[in-house]
Amino acid sequence: MLTISATDAKQKLATWLDTVQREPVMIRRQKRDVAVLLSPEAYDRLRGLKIAEFERFCERVGTEAMARGLNETILNEILADED
């Protein structure tokens, strides 16, 4: 990944916007990473991965809960309990 300074990012934003269509660009300020410029396609791909990962997690938790005896009736009772 290409790394640039915050000053360079500010001065040459149009150039870096073209660059991010090919690869992400890391922006550094005072020797620490502060931001990443991504193309919309790369951002959507990352979001999709996180959503898919979350869905797999939910499926795994649901399967484990059912294996331990949790069913919809019991879950509704737990959720309805106001104490």
Protein backbone atom coordinates (compact mmCIF):
# COMPACT_ATOMS: atom_id res chain seq x y z
CA MET A 1 0.00 0.00 0.00
CA LEU A 2 1.26 3.42 -0.90
CA THR A 3 1.84 5.76 2.08
CA ILE A 4 1.79 9.55 1.83
CA SER A 5 1.94 12.47 4.24
CA ALA A 6 -1.18 14.40 5.23
CA THR A 7 0.36 17.50 3.65
CA ASP A 8 0.91 15.66 0.38
CA ALA A 9 -2.66 14.33 0.52
CA LYS A 10 -3.99 17.86 0.90
CA GLN A 11 -1.82 19.34 -1.83
CA LYS A 12 -2.36 16.59 -4.42
CA LEU A 13 -5.81 15.23 -3.61
CA ALA A 14 -6.87 14.93 -7.27
CA THR A 15 -3.81 12.79 -8.02
CA TRP A 16 -4.46 10.52 -5.05
CA LEU A 17 -8.13 10.15 -5.98
CA ASP A 18 -6.96 8.74 -9.31
CA THR A 19 -4.44 6.48 -7.57
CA VAL A 20 -7.02 4.92 -5.23
CA GLN A 21 -8.83 3.53 -8.24
CA ARG A 22 -5.87 1.11 -8.53
CA GLU A 23 -4.72 0.73 -4.90
CA PRO A 24 -5.48 2.06 -1.40
CA VAL A 25 -3.45 5.02 -0.13
CA MET A 26 -2.44 5.33 3.55
CA ILE A 27 -2.19 8.87 4.93
CA ARG A 28 0.29 9.53 7.72
CA ARG A 29 0.50 12.50 10.05
CA GLN A 30 3.38 12.93 12.48
CA LYS A 31 4.67 9.37 11.92
CA ARG A 32 1.34 7.63 12.52
CA ASP A 33 -1.29 6.28 10.17
CA VAL A 34 -4.42 8.43 10.33
CA ALA A 35 -6.55 7.46 7.31
CA VAL A 36 -6.86 5.27 4.25
CA LEU A 37 -8.24 6.39 0.91
CA LEU A 38 -10.13 3.62 -0.90
CA SER A 39 -12.06 3.33 -4.12
CA PRO A 40 -15.81 2.85 -3.65
CA GLU A 41 -15.42 -0.69 -5.03
CA ALA A 42 -12.75 -1.57 -2.44
CA TYR A 43 -14.90 -0.10 0.33
CA ASP A 44 -17.96 -2.07 -0.80
CA ARG A 45 -15.86 -5.25 -0.93
CA LEU A 46 -14.68 -4.69 2.66
CA ARG A 47 -18.21 -3.97 3.85
CA GLY A 48 -19.45 -7.10 2.14
CA LEU A 49 -16.79 -9.19 3.86
CA LYS A 50 -17.78 -7.83 7.27
CA ILE A 51 -21.46 -8.46 6.62
CA ALA A 52 -20.72 -12.02 5.49
CA GLU A 53 -18.51 -12.57 8.55
CA PHE A 54 -21.29 -11.30 10.84
CA GLU A 55 -23.86 -13.55 9.16
CA ARG A 56 -21.57 -16.59 9.64
CA PHE A 57 -21.14 -15.63 13.30
CA CYS A 58 -24.92 -15.39 13.81
CA GLU A 59 -25.46 -18.73 12.12
CA ARG A 60 -22.80 -20.36 14.32
CA VAL A 61 -24.27 -18.89 17.51
CA GLY A 62 -27.79 -19.90 16.50
CA THR A 63 -26.72 -23.46 15.72
CA GLU A 64 -24.90 -23.74 19.04
CA ALA A 65 -27.89 -22.33 20.95
CA MET A 66 -30.24 -24.82 19.31
CA ALA A 67 -27.85 -27.68 20.12
CA ARG A 68 -28.03 -26.60 23.77
CA GLY A 69 -31.82 -26.67 23.75
CA LEU A 70 -32.72 -23.06 23.03
CA ASN A 71 -35.78 -22.82 20.79
CA GLU A 72 -38.07 -20.02 19.70
CA THR A 73 -40.52 -20.58 22.58
CA ILE A 74 -37.80 -20.39 25.23
CA LEU A 75 -36.23 -17.37 23.54
CA ASN A 76 -39.57 -15.54 23.49
CA GLU A 77 -40.02 -16.30 27.21
CA ILE A 78 -36.57 -14.92 27.97
CA LEU A 79 -37.19 -11.80 25.93
CA ALA A 80 -40.64 -11.25 27.47
CA ASP A 81 -39.26 -11.49 31.03
CA GLU A 82 -39.30 -7.94 32.41
CA ASP A 83 -37.68 -8.62 35.81
